[in-house]
Amino acid sequence: MSYIAAYNMSFKAHQFRASIGSLYVKASIKKLFRAYEVQVLKLCEQ
């Protein structure tokens, strides 16, 4: 295995982890936003 091939593999692994991380962050933001929406709706209904 050449140095370049090893570098490419680690770069791909890093990209994969980064994309998983960004998906997780987006999901968390959606959950927070949804919870916020629900609270606002409850306040408006009172």
C-alpha atoms as a PDB file:
ATOM      1  CA  MET A   1       0.000   0.000   0.000  1.00  0.00           C
ATOM      2  CA  SER A   2       1.521   3.282  -1.094  1.00  0.00           C
ATOM      3  CA  TYR A   3       1.561   6.431   0.996  1.00  0.00           C
ATOM      4  CA  ILE A   4      -0.811   8.158  -1.442  1.00  0.00           C
ATOM      5  CA  ALA A   5      -3.336   5.305  -1.263  1.00  0.00           C
ATOM      6  CA  ALA A   6      -3.210   5.381   2.538  1.00  0.00           C
ATOM      7  CA  TYR A   7      -3.679   9.160   2.501  1.00  0.00           C
ATOM      8  CA  ASN A   8      -6.670   8.868   0.140  1.00  0.00           C
ATOM      9  CA  MET A   9      -8.271   6.229   2.363  1.00  0.00           C
ATOM     10  CA  SER A  10      -7.874   8.303   5.511  1.00  0.00           C
ATOM     11  CA  PHE A  11      -9.230  11.347   3.666  1.00  0.00           C
ATOM     12  CA  LYS A  12     -12.311   9.372   2.564  1.00  0.00           C
ATOM     13  CA  ALA A  13     -12.832   8.099   6.111  1.00  0.00           C
ATOM     14  CA  HIS A  14     -12.605  11.679   7.372  1.00  0.00           C
ATOM     15  CA  GLN A  15     -15.143  12.866   4.781  1.00  0.00           C
ATOM     16  CA  PHE A  16     -17.472  10.031   5.773  1.00  0.00           C
ATOM     17  CA  ARG A  17     -17.226  10.927   9.463  1.00  0.00           C
ATOM     18  CA  ALA A  18     -17.770  14.599   8.655  1.00  0.00           C
ATOM     19  CA  SER A  19     -20.913  13.863   6.639  1.00  0.00           C
ATOM     20  CA  ILE A  20     -22.292  11.631   9.418  1.00  0.00           C
ATOM     21  CA  GLY A  21     -21.500  14.412  11.893  1.00  0.00           C
ATOM     22  CA  SER A  22     -23.284  17.064   9.830  1.00  0.00           C
ATOM     23  CA  LEU A  23     -26.334  14.816   9.441  1.00  0.00           C
ATOM     24  CA  TYR A  24     -26.398  14.337  13.219  1.00  0.00           C
ATOM     25  CA  VAL A  25     -26.130  18.089  13.789  1.00  0.00           C
ATOM     26  CA  LYS A  26     -28.931  18.804  11.295  1.00  0.00           C
ATOM     27  CA  ALA A  27     -31.166  16.237  13.001  1.00  0.00           C
ATOM     28  CA  SER A  28     -30.433  17.788  16.408  1.00  0.00           C
ATOM     29  CA  ILE A  29     -31.230  21.279  15.120  1.00  0.00           C
ATOM     30  CA  LYS A  30     -34.506  20.015  13.631  1.00  0.00           C
ATOM     31  CA  LYS A  31     -35.447  18.426  16.967  1.00  0.00           C
ATOM     32  CA  LEU A  32     -34.638  21.620  18.858  1.00  0.00           C
ATOM     33  CA  PHE A  33     -36.569  23.723  16.362  1.00  0.00           C
ATOM     34  CA  ARG A  34     -39.561  21.380  16.574  1.00  0.00           C
ATOM     35  CA  ALA A  35     -39.549  21.519  20.373  1.00  0.00           C
ATOM     36  CA  TYR A  36     -39.370  25.329  20.168  1.00  0.00           C
ATOM     37  CA  GLU A  37     -42.304  25.394  17.719  1.00  0.00           C
ATOM     38  CA  VAL A  38     -44.395  23.225  20.048  1.00  0.00           C
ATOM     39  CA  GLN A  39     -43.673  25.557  22.985  1.00  0.00           C
ATOM     40  CA  VAL A  40     -44.641  28.622  20.927  1.00  0.00           C
ATOM     41  CA  LEU A  41     -47.880  26.962  19.805  1.00  0.00           C
ATOM     42  CA  LYS A  42     -48.739  26.072  23.403  1.00  0.00           C
ATOM     43  CA  LEU A  43     -48.158  29.676  24.469  1.00  0.00           C
ATOM     44  CA  CYS A  44     -50.313  30.973  21.615  1.00  0.00           C
ATOM     45  CA  GLU A  45     -53.178  28.618  22.467  1.00  0.00           C
ATOM     46  CA  GLN A  46     -53.403  29.759  26.085  1.00  0.00           C
END
